[in-house]
Amino acid sequence: MALIKSISGIRGTIGGHTGDTLNPLDIVKFTTAYATFIGGHKIVVGRDGRISGPMVRDIVCGTLVGMGYEVIDIGLATTPTTELAVRMHQADGGIIITASHNPRQWNALKLLNREGEFLTAADGAQVLAIAEKEDFDYAEVDKLGHIVCDDTMNQRHIQSVLNLKLTDLEAIKKAKFRVCADTINSVGGIILPELFSQLGVQFDILNGTCTGDFAHNPEPLEKNLGGIMEQMRKGGYDLGIVVDPDVDRLAFICEDGTMFGEEYTLVSVADYVLSHTPGNTVSNLSSTRALRDVTEKHGGCYAAAAVGEVNVTTKMKEVGAVIGGEGNGGVIYPESHYGRDALVGIALFLSLLAQKGCKASELRRTYPDYQIAKNRIDLTPDTDVDAILIKVKEMFSNDPEATVNDIDGVKIDFPTKWVHLRKSNTEPIIRVYSEAQTINEADQLGKKLMQVVYDMQ
């Protein structure tokens, strides 16, 4: 059982002892702390399809009413839908009830500011400090808040995607695409069929019933996607589309059943955006170098940010990026909003594919071919992560070919490869990502650092 407090919000497993898990008492405490911090009078609440979602929503909404807030409950909704709802309702903030790619026993409170963007690290620290004090004031009976239900946000989100200048609706409809989508038994099964219909795309949905009982590990990695890959190999589809439970991550599968590559979701969409609106790009330190290569090809500058959506969006604003995101399939397009949005990614990718008039596998071959190995190490209570990071830095401090970056864990850059070791914001693990020109070389580089961790545990 676990409770994680980080830049990504309050996340934990359901059930168990207070203070150790995401249970009713802790949900009340952190919701109250957030409401105390955010001020104002109106907060949007949306949730993904998790089994625990109704329970968490009832506690969150009831607590906000007890704080005197007007609660805009948009029901089952994607993370980007909830982000947009904060702006569209001119709310003071928002709470997204989702644990993103985590398994079914997890849930979380993702906290938004009045712009519909995630709280900064400094703001998040203030919320945690308020929660620890547990010195709260609630509304008197005549000043209790109330709940307003809004079931229009899915369509408003879709319409905002259709209205984007770079959504080439005419080309998409003319292409007569047929896609297969795996929506992992969550909210993607509600909103993606509507998006496809309005884009003029024929579709079949796998795991489309929003039960929250995920059909497989919900992280959209190749090892978890055997079902849709096999379906694609049978033929008859132009593209496979995979989203995570809250639909902010996006992965594509080529028409022949091979992975387009989760890292290349952002690369391809950025290529399309930059071809129409040249400018700068940003991704996090754990993302492929291919985005840098594509950006420079279009005459722009690439910048890297620490892992975490708010870190990426902060850097995007700083450098004036026209497109950015994360190599985990997260596309952030400021023309829509500063948040990862799979619907935006789908519309822009289909526009690119339609304009190119080629197959997905052919498009993939036009990009630099890097291979990323994504490994993980489960933490034990005795793991000293800081000591591990210091040890890794010392290993490469005298290597003339190595450049060390320690703004987020430790990343070691070499001329033709890199490795990044960092503690996860969302799980009790250390992530070890490495990239090289072959998967074996990437994996060997990652395993070298993993052995350092094992030796110190």
Protein backbone atom coordinates (compact mmCIF):
# COMPACT_ATOMS: atom_id res chain seq x y z
CA MET A 1 0.00 0.00 0.00
CA ALA A 2 1.28 3.48 -0.75
CA LEU A 3 0.57 7.20 -0.60
CA ILE A 4 2.72 9.48 -2.78
CA LYS A 5 2.73 13.26 -2.47
CA SER A 6 4.50 14.89 -5.40
CA ILE A 7 4.43 17.43 -8.21
CA SER A 8 1.85 15.15 -9.87
CA GLY A 9 -0.62 15.47 -6.98
CA ILE A 10 -1.76 13.10 -4.22
CA ARG A 11 -1.70 9.48 -5.38
CA GLY A 12 -2.18 6.22 -3.55
CA THR A 13 -3.70 2.78 -3.33
CA ILE A 14 -7.29 2.52 -2.12
CA GLY A 15 -7.99 1.14 1.35
CA GLY A 16 -5.70 0.56 4.30
CA HIS A 17 -4.50 2.72 7.15
CA THR A 18 -4.86 6.52 7.27
CA GLY A 19 -1.71 8.35 6.27
CA ASP A 20 -0.47 5.35 4.31
CA THR A 21 -3.02 5.13 1.49
CA LEU A 22 -5.62 7.14 -0.40
CA ASN A 23 -8.53 6.54 1.98
CA PRO A 24 -11.61 8.64 2.87
CA LEU A 25 -9.98 10.56 5.72
CA ASP A 26 -6.92 11.47 3.68
CA ILE A 27 -9.09 12.42 0.69
CA VAL A 28 -10.98 14.88 2.92
CA LYS A 29 -7.73 16.27 4.33
CA PHE A 30 -6.03 16.92 0.99
CA THR A 31 -9.21 18.21 -0.68
CA THR A 32 -9.70 20.65 2.20
CA ALA A 33 -6.07 21.76 2.02
CA TYR A 34 -6.37 22.35 -1.71
CA ALA A 35 -9.63 24.30 -1.35
CA THR A 36 -8.07 26.38 1.42
CA PHE A 37 -5.08 27.19 -0.78
CA ILE A 38 -6.93 27.88 -4.03
CA GLY A 39 -9.44 30.42 -2.64
CA GLY A 40 -12.38 31.63 -4.71
CA HIS A 41 -15.78 30.01 -5.00
CA LYS A 42 -15.88 27.55 -7.93
CA ILE A 43 -13.99 24.28 -8.57
CA VAL A 44 -14.39 21.76 -11.42
CA VAL A 45 -14.28 18.03 -10.66
CA GLY A 46 -13.90 15.27 -13.27
CA ARG A 47 -12.92 11.61 -13.01
CA ASP A 48 -11.75 8.70 -15.11
CA GLY A 49 -13.49 5.31 -15.11
CA ARG A 50 -11.73 3.71 -12.15
CA ILE A 51 -13.73 1.43 -9.87
CA SER A 52 -12.96 3.69 -6.89
CA GLY A 53 -13.92 6.83 -8.83
CA PRO A 54 -17.50 7.25 -7.55
CA MET A 55 -16.37 6.89 -3.94
CA VAL A 56 -13.56 9.40 -4.31
CA ARG A 57 -15.78 11.83 -6.25
CA ASP A 58 -18.48 11.77 -3.57
CA ILE A 59 -15.96 12.56 -0.85
CA VAL A 60 -14.22 15.28 -2.89
CA CYS A 61 -17.48 16.97 -3.93
CA GLY A 62 -18.97 16.72 -0.44
CA THR A 63 -15.85 18.22 1.11
CA LEU A 64 -15.86 21.11 -1.36
CA VAL A 65 -19.54 21.78 -0.62
CA GLY A 66 -18.62 21.77 3.07
CA MET A 67 -16.00 24.41 2.25
CA GLY A 68 -18.66 26.61 0.63
CA TYR A 69 -17.69 26.00 -3.00
CA GLU A 70 -19.81 25.73 -6.10
CA VAL A 71 -18.72 22.40 -7.57
CA ILE A 72 -18.95 21.87 -11.33
CA ASP A 73 -19.16 18.08 -11.59
CA ILE A 74 -18.46 17.09 -15.21
CA GLY A 75 -18.66 13.38 -14.41
CA LEU A 76 -16.70 10.83 -16.43
CA ALA A 77 -14.15 12.91 -18.30
CA THR A 78 -10.60 12.84 -19.57
CA THR A 79 -7.83 14.78 -17.88
CA PRO A 80 -7.59 17.29 -20.77
CA THR A 81 -11.39 17.68 -20.78
CA THR A 82 -11.28 18.66 -17.10
CA GLU A 83 -8.41 21.06 -17.73
CA LEU A 84 -10.40 22.78 -20.46
CA ALA A 85 -13.51 22.84 -18.27
CA VAL A 86 -11.71 24.96 -15.66
CA ARG A 87 -11.09 27.65 -18.26
CA MET A 88 -14.49 27.35 -19.94
CA HIS A 89 -16.30 27.67 -16.60
CA GLN A 90 -13.95 30.42 -15.42
CA ALA A 91 -13.42 28.36 -12.27
CA ASP A 92 -10.83 28.98 -9.60
CA GLY A 93 -9.35 25.51 -9.97
CA GLY A 94 -10.04 21.88 -10.66
CA ILE A 95 -9.53 18.39 -9.25
CA ILE A 96 -9.03 15.44 -11.60
CA ILE A 97 -9.71 12.08 -9.97
CA THR A 98 -7.39 9.74 -11.83
CA ALA A 99 -4.21 7.75 -11.29
CA SER A 100 -3.41 7.96 -15.00
CA HIS A 101 -1.44 4.85 -16.05
CA ASN A 102 -1.35 3.22 -12.59
CA PRO A 103 -3.15 -0.13 -12.06
CA ARG A 104 -6.77 -0.44 -10.89
CA GLN A 105 -6.05 -0.34 -7.13
CA TRP A 106 -4.66 3.20 -7.44
CA ASN A 107 -6.39 6.56 -7.59
CA ALA A 108 -5.25 10.14 -7.21
CA LEU A 109 -6.17 13.80 -6.92
CA LYS A 110 -4.53 15.88 -9.66
CA LEU A 111 -4.75 19.55 -8.74
CA LEU A 112 -5.26 22.41 -11.20
CA ASN A 113 -4.97 26.19 -10.96
CA ARG A 114 -7.41 28.71 -12.48
CA GLU A 115 -5.72 28.31 -15.90
CA GLY A 116 -6.58 24.61 -15.91
CA GLU A 117 -2.90 23.74 -15.52
CA PHE A 118 -1.19 21.65 -12.86
CA LEU A 119 0.02 23.38 -9.72
CA THR A 120 3.68 24.34 -9.64
CA ALA A 121 6.01 22.56 -7.22
CA ALA A 122 5.92 25.62 -4.94
CA ASP A 123 2.12 25.73 -4.94
CA GLY A 124 1.92 21.98 -4.36
CA ALA A 125 4.25 22.34 -1.39
CA GLN A 126 1.92 24.93 0.12
CA VAL A 127 -1.04 22.55 -0.24
CA LEU A 128 0.92 19.79 1.52
CA ALA A 129 1.93 22.17 4.30
CA ILE A 130 -1.70 23.17 4.86
CA ALA A 131 -2.71 19.51 4.92
CA GLU A 132 -0.11 18.68 7.55
CA LYS A 133 -1.37 21.40 9.89
CA GLU A 134 -4.95 20.05 9.72
CA ASP A 135 -6.20 23.43 10.93
CA PHE A 136 -9.27 23.83 8.73
CA ASP A 137 -12.34 26.06 8.67
CA TYR A 138 -15.57 24.82 7.08
CA ALA A 139 -18.64 26.75 5.98
CA GLU A 140 -21.57 27.38 8.29
CA VAL A 141 -24.94 25.94 7.29
CA ASP A 142 -26.16 29.05 5.46
CA LYS A 143 -22.92 29.26 3.47
CA LEU A 144 -22.61 25.68 2.28
CA GLY A 145 -21.78 25.24 -1.38
CA HIS A 146 -23.66 23.22 -3.99
CA ILE A 147 -23.04 20.91 -6.93
CA VAL A 148 -23.85 21.73 -10.55
CA CYS A 149 -23.65 18.84 -13.04
CA ASP A 150 -22.41 19.60 -16.57
CA ASP A 151 -22.59 16.81 -19.17
CA THR A 152 -21.59 19.04 -22.12
CA MET A 153 -17.84 19.11 -21.67
CA ASN A 154 -16.98 16.09 -23.83
CA GLN A 155 -18.60 17.72 -26.85
CA ARG A 156 -17.09 21.11 -26.05
CA HIS A 157 -13.68 19.47 -25.87
CA ILE A 158 -14.18 17.71 -29.21
CA GLN A 159 -15.39 20.91 -30.83
CA SER A 160 -12.30 22.75 -29.61
CA VAL A 161 -10.16 20.09 -31.31
CA LEU A 162 -12.12 20.35 -34.56
CA ASN A 163 -11.71 24.13 -34.46
CA LEU A 164 -7.90 24.03 -34.33
CA LYS A 165 -6.36 25.63 -37.43
CA LEU A 166 -4.12 22.60 -38.01
CA THR A 167 -6.93 20.04 -37.75
CA ASP A 168 -7.40 19.35 -41.46
CA LEU A 169 -10.93 18.01 -41.24
CA GLU A 170 -11.43 17.99 -45.02
CA ALA A 171 -8.27 15.93 -45.63
CA ILE A 172 -9.10 13.49 -42.84
CA LYS A 173 -12.60 12.87 -44.17
CA LYS A 174 -11.30 12.49 -47.71
CA ALA A 175 -8.75 9.89 -46.57
CA LYS A 176 -11.54 7.64 -45.24
CA PHE A 177 -9.36 6.25 -42.49
CA ARG A 178 -10.30 3.12 -40.60
CA VAL A 179 -8.81 2.87 -37.12
CA CYS A 180 -8.82 0.43 -34.22
CA ALA A 181 -8.60 1.95 -30.74
CA ASP A 182 -7.93 0.38 -27.33
CA THR A 183 -9.52 2.55 -24.64
CA ILE A 184 -8.63 0.31 -21.66
CA ASN A 185 -12.20 0.21 -20.21
CA SER A 186 -12.07 3.84 -19.14
CA VAL A 187 -13.23 7.27 -20.34
CA GLY A 188 -11.56 6.96 -23.74
CA GLY A 189 -14.36 4.53 -24.61
CA ILE A 190 -16.85 7.37 -24.09
CA ILE A 191 -15.19 10.29 -25.88
CA LEU A 192 -13.10 8.73 -28.68
CA PRO A 193 -16.04 7.22 -30.61
CA GLU A 194 -17.59 10.71 -30.71
CA LEU A 195 -14.31 12.23 -31.86
CA PHE A 196 -13.88 9.63 -34.61
CA SER A 197 -17.45 10.08 -35.80
CA GLN A 198 -17.06 13.84 -36.08
CA LEU A 199 -13.70 13.45 -37.86
CA GLY A 200 -15.34 11.15 -40.41
CA VAL A 201 -13.18 8.20 -39.36
CA GLN A 202 -14.44 4.59 -39.38
CA PHE A 203 -13.53 2.84 -36.13
CA ASP A 204 -13.61 -0.26 -33.99
CA ILE A 205 -13.08 -0.03 -30.23
CA LEU A 206 -11.36 -2.63 -28.07
CA ASN A 207 -12.04 -2.58 -24.31
CA GLY A 208 -14.54 0.20 -24.85
CA THR A 209 -16.90 -0.27 -21.88
CA CYS A 210 -16.09 2.22 -19.12
CA THR A 211 -16.03 -0.22 -16.17
CA GLY A 212 -12.65 0.73 -14.70
CA ASP A 213 -11.73 -2.95 -14.65
CA PHE A 214 -8.76 -2.56 -16.97
CA ALA A 215 -8.36 -5.35 -19.53
CA HIS A 216 -4.56 -5.24 -19.24
CA ASN A 217 -1.83 -3.17 -17.61
CA PRO A 218 -3.01 0.36 -18.44
CA GLU A 219 0.37 1.86 -19.30
CA PRO A 220 0.43 2.13 -23.13
CA LEU A 221 3.72 0.27 -23.66
CA GLU A 222 4.32 -2.39 -26.31
CA LYS A 223 4.53 -5.21 -23.75
CA ASN A 224 0.94 -4.43 -22.66
CA LEU A 225 -0.61 -4.07 -26.12
CA GLY A 226 -0.58 -7.60 -27.54
CA GLY A 227 -4.34 -7.61 -28.13
CA ILE A 228 -4.58 -4.56 -30.38
CA MET A 229 -1.29 -5.41 -32.13
CA GLU A 230 -2.69 -8.81 -33.06
CA GLN A 231 -5.92 -7.18 -34.25
CA MET A 232 -3.92 -4.81 -36.44
CA ARG A 233 -1.92 -7.67 -37.96
CA LYS A 234 -5.17 -9.17 -39.26
CA GLY A 235 -5.38 -6.20 -41.63
CA GLY A 236 -8.11 -3.80 -42.63
CA TYR A 237 -6.97 -0.83 -40.53
CA ASP A 238 -4.91 2.23 -41.34
CA LEU A 239 -3.92 2.96 -37.75
CA GLY A 240 -4.09 1.60 -34.23
CA ILE A 241 -4.67 4.09 -31.41
CA VAL A 242 -4.05 3.45 -27.70
CA VAL A 243 -4.77 5.77 -24.77
CA ASP A 244 -4.30 5.45 -21.04
CA PRO A 245 -7.20 5.57 -18.54
CA ASP A 246 -7.40 9.39 -18.40
CA VAL A 247 -6.58 9.94 -22.11
CA ASP A 248 -3.60 12.25 -21.80
CA ARG A 249 -1.13 9.70 -23.19
CA LEU A 250 -1.27 8.44 -26.76
CA ALA A 251 0.46 5.65 -28.67
CA PHE A 252 0.06 4.60 -32.30
CA ILE A 253 0.34 1.21 -33.99
CA CYS A 254 1.14 0.95 -37.69
CA GLU A 255 -1.13 -0.71 -40.22
CA ASP A 256 1.05 -3.86 -40.14
CA GLY A 257 0.74 -4.32 -36.36
CA THR A 258 4.15 -2.88 -35.45
CA MET A 259 4.53 -0.12 -32.89
CA PHE A 260 4.90 3.37 -34.31
CA GLY A 261 6.75 4.01 -31.06
CA GLU A 262 5.36 5.80 -28.01
CA GLU A 263 8.29 8.24 -28.18
CA TYR A 264 7.42 9.10 -31.78
CA THR A 265 3.88 10.30 -31.03
CA LEU A 266 5.26 13.71 -30.05
CA VAL A 267 7.98 13.61 -32.72
CA SER A 268 5.50 13.11 -35.57
CA VAL A 269 2.97 15.64 -34.29
CA ALA A 270 5.77 18.16 -33.76
CA ASP A 271 6.98 17.55 -37.31
CA TYR A 272 3.50 18.40 -38.58
CA VAL A 273 3.10 21.50 -36.41
CA LEU A 274 6.60 22.80 -37.22
CA SER A 275 6.01 22.37 -40.95
CA HIS A 276 3.15 24.90 -40.66
CA THR A 277 4.30 27.06 -37.73
CA PRO A 278 8.10 27.02 -37.30
CA GLY A 279 9.31 27.58 -33.76
CA ASN A 280 10.82 25.96 -30.69
CA THR A 281 10.01 22.70 -28.93
CA VAL A 282 10.36 21.20 -25.46
CA SER A 283 10.27 17.69 -24.04
CA ASN A 284 11.49 16.18 -20.80
CA LEU A 285 14.93 14.73 -20.12
CA SER A 286 13.66 11.16 -20.55
CA SER A 287 12.40 11.73 -24.11
CA THR A 288 13.98 10.76 -27.41
CA ARG A 289 16.60 12.87 -29.19
CA ALA A 290 14.51 12.56 -32.34
CA LEU A 291 12.47 15.62 -31.31
CA ARG A 292 15.66 17.69 -31.19
CA ASP A 293 16.63 16.45 -34.66
CA VAL A 294 13.21 17.23 -36.16
CA THR A 295 13.12 20.66 -34.51
CA GLU A 296 16.53 21.62 -35.86
CA LYS A 297 15.54 20.37 -39.33
CA HIS A 298 12.74 22.95 -39.28
CA GLY A 299 15.09 25.69 -38.04
CA GLY A 300 13.88 25.76 -34.43
CA CYS A 301 15.58 25.25 -31.08
CA TYR A 302 14.95 22.34 -28.74
CA ALA A 303 15.05 22.59 -24.92
CA ALA A 304 14.79 19.88 -22.26
CA ALA A 305 12.84 20.12 -19.00
CA ALA A 306 12.67 18.06 -15.83
CA VAL A 307 10.12 15.24 -15.92
CA GLY A 308 6.59 16.31 -14.98
CA GLU A 309 3.99 18.06 -17.09
CA VAL A 310 4.18 21.36 -15.19
CA ASN A 311 7.97 21.41 -15.70
CA VAL A 312 7.51 20.94 -19.43
CA THR A 313 4.82 23.62 -19.74
CA THR A 314 6.90 26.06 -17.69
CA LYS A 315 9.85 25.56 -20.02
CA MET A 316 7.57 25.83 -23.07
CA LYS A 317 6.36 29.25 -21.92
CA GLU A 318 9.93 30.29 -21.16
CA VAL A 319 11.23 29.50 -24.68
CA GLY A 320 8.01 30.23 -26.58
CA ALA A 321 7.59 26.64 -27.81
CA VAL A 322 4.90 26.03 -30.43
CA ILE A 323 4.69 22.33 -29.52
CA GLY A 324 6.01 20.18 -26.71
CA GLY A 325 5.27 17.29 -24.43
CA GLU A 326 6.71 14.09 -23.08
CA GLY A 327 8.08 10.97 -24.72
CA ASN A 328 5.47 8.86 -22.93
CA GLY A 329 2.99 9.84 -25.65
CA GLY A 330 2.02 13.22 -24.18
CA VAL A 331 1.34 15.97 -26.72
CA ILE A 332 1.06 19.56 -25.43
CA TYR A 333 -0.16 22.03 -28.06
CA PRO A 334 -0.51 25.59 -26.71
CA GLU A 335 -2.98 26.55 -29.45
CA SER A 336 -5.39 24.28 -27.57
CA HIS A 337 -4.14 24.45 -23.97
CA TYR A 338 -1.07 23.76 -21.85
CA GLY A 339 -1.82 20.14 -21.04
CA ARG A 340 -1.20 16.70 -22.52
CA ASP A 341 -4.16 15.87 -24.75
CA ALA A 342 -4.60 12.63 -26.70
CA LEU A 343 -7.56 14.05 -28.65
CA VAL A 344 -5.41 16.89 -29.97
CA GLY A 345 -2.66 14.39 -30.78
CA ILE A 346 -5.05 12.15 -32.71
CA ALA A 347 -6.48 15.00 -34.79
CA LEU A 348 -3.06 16.44 -35.67
CA PHE A 349 -1.55 13.01 -36.46
CA LEU A 350 -4.46 12.07 -38.73
CA SER A 351 -4.10 15.46 -40.44
CA LEU A 352 -0.41 14.72 -41.05
CA LEU A 353 -1.11 11.20 -42.32
CA ALA A 354 -3.87 12.47 -44.63
CA GLN A 355 -1.73 15.27 -46.06
CA LYS A 356 1.25 12.94 -46.60
CA GLY A 357 -0.92 10.31 -48.24
CA CYS A 358 1.29 7.52 -46.89
CA LYS A 359 1.01 4.57 -44.53
CA ALA A 360 1.87 4.94 -40.86
CA SER A 361 4.83 2.57 -41.21
CA GLU A 362 6.16 4.65 -44.12
CA LEU A 363 5.83 7.85 -42.08
CA ARG A 364 7.72 6.27 -39.18
CA ARG A 365 10.68 5.47 -41.43
CA THR A 366 11.13 9.16 -42.25
CA TYR A 367 12.25 9.96 -38.69
CA PRO A 368 15.62 9.40 -37.00
CA ASP A 369 15.68 5.88 -35.61
CA TYR A 370 16.61 5.80 -31.94
CA GLN A 371 15.77 2.98 -29.55
CA ILE A 372 14.80 3.55 -25.92
CA ALA A 373 14.99 0.94 -23.18
CA LYS A 374 12.63 1.71 -20.27
CA ASN A 375 13.53 -0.14 -17.08
CA ARG A 376 12.45 0.25 -13.47
CA ILE A 377 13.66 -0.69 -10.02
CA ASP A 378 11.22 -1.14 -7.14
CA LEU A 379 12.22 0.86 -4.08
CA THR A 380 12.61 -0.69 -0.65
CA PRO A 381 12.15 1.25 2.60
CA ASP A 382 15.95 1.27 3.00
CA THR A 383 16.80 2.58 -0.47
CA ASP A 384 18.84 5.79 -0.26
CA VAL A 385 18.02 7.41 -3.61
CA ASP A 386 20.20 10.47 -2.97
CA ALA A 387 23.24 8.30 -2.30
CA ILE A 388 22.57 6.35 -5.49
CA LEU A 389 22.40 9.52 -7.58
CA ILE A 390 25.67 10.78 -6.08
CA LYS A 391 27.33 7.44 -6.88
CA VAL A 392 26.13 7.55 -10.50
CA LYS A 393 27.45 11.11 -10.95
CA GLU A 394 30.83 10.05 -9.57
CA MET A 395 30.99 7.14 -12.03
CA PHE A 396 30.94 9.47 -15.02
CA SER A 397 32.54 12.63 -13.59
CA ASN A 398 35.91 11.95 -15.29
CA ASP A 399 34.55 10.59 -18.58
CA PRO A 400 35.49 13.13 -21.30
CA GLU A 401 32.62 12.00 -23.53
CA ALA A 402 29.96 12.29 -20.80
CA THR A 403 27.85 15.34 -19.98
CA VAL A 404 26.07 15.14 -16.62
CA ASN A 405 22.71 16.85 -16.01
CA ASP A 406 21.28 16.69 -12.48
CA ILE A 407 18.20 18.94 -12.64
CA ASP A 408 16.03 15.80 -12.32
CA GLY A 409 17.83 12.74 -11.03
CA VAL A 410 20.95 12.16 -13.11
CA LYS A 411 21.13 12.11 -16.91
CA ILE A 412 24.37 11.15 -18.65
CA ASP A 413 24.63 12.30 -22.27
CA PHE A 414 27.11 10.72 -24.66
CA PRO A 415 27.62 11.61 -28.35
CA THR A 416 25.36 8.81 -29.62
CA LYS A 417 23.42 7.70 -26.54
CA TRP A 418 22.14 8.73 -23.09
CA VAL A 419 20.87 7.25 -19.83
CA HIS A 420 18.59 8.88 -17.26
CA LEU A 421 18.02 7.63 -13.72
CA ARG A 422 15.39 9.30 -11.54
CA LYS A 423 12.88 8.61 -8.77
CA SER A 424 9.33 8.43 -10.14
CA ASN A 425 6.80 11.12 -9.24
CA THR A 426 3.93 8.64 -9.49
CA GLU A 427 5.15 5.24 -8.24
CA PRO A 428 7.56 3.96 -5.53
CA ILE A 429 10.20 3.10 -8.14
CA ILE A 430 13.37 4.37 -9.77
CA ARG A 431 13.01 4.78 -13.54
CA VAL A 432 16.03 4.00 -15.69
CA TYR A 433 15.58 5.17 -19.28
CA SER A 434 18.35 4.84 -21.86
CA GLU A 435 18.55 5.56 -25.58
CA ALA A 436 20.98 4.43 -28.27
CA GLN A 437 20.99 3.43 -31.93
CA THR A 438 20.07 -0.19 -31.07
CA ILE A 439 17.83 -1.54 -28.34
CA ASN A 440 20.58 -3.88 -27.09
CA GLU A 441 23.03 -1.01 -26.65
CA ALA A 442 20.35 1.06 -24.89
CA ASP A 443 19.41 -1.80 -22.59
CA GLN A 444 23.02 -2.56 -21.71
CA LEU A 445 23.61 1.08 -20.77
CA GLY A 446 20.52 1.07 -18.55
CA LYS A 447 21.43 -2.24 -16.93
CA LYS A 448 24.87 -0.86 -16.04
CA LEU A 449 23.25 1.82 -13.88
CA MET A 450 20.67 -0.60 -12.51
CA GLN A 451 23.47 -2.76 -11.16
CA VAL A 452 24.80 0.23 -9.23
CA VAL A 453 21.40 0.54 -7.54
CA TYR A 454 21.20 -3.18 -6.74
CA ASP A 455 24.68 -3.10 -5.25
CA MET A 456 23.65 -0.26 -2.91
CA GLN A 457 20.33 -1.74 -1.74
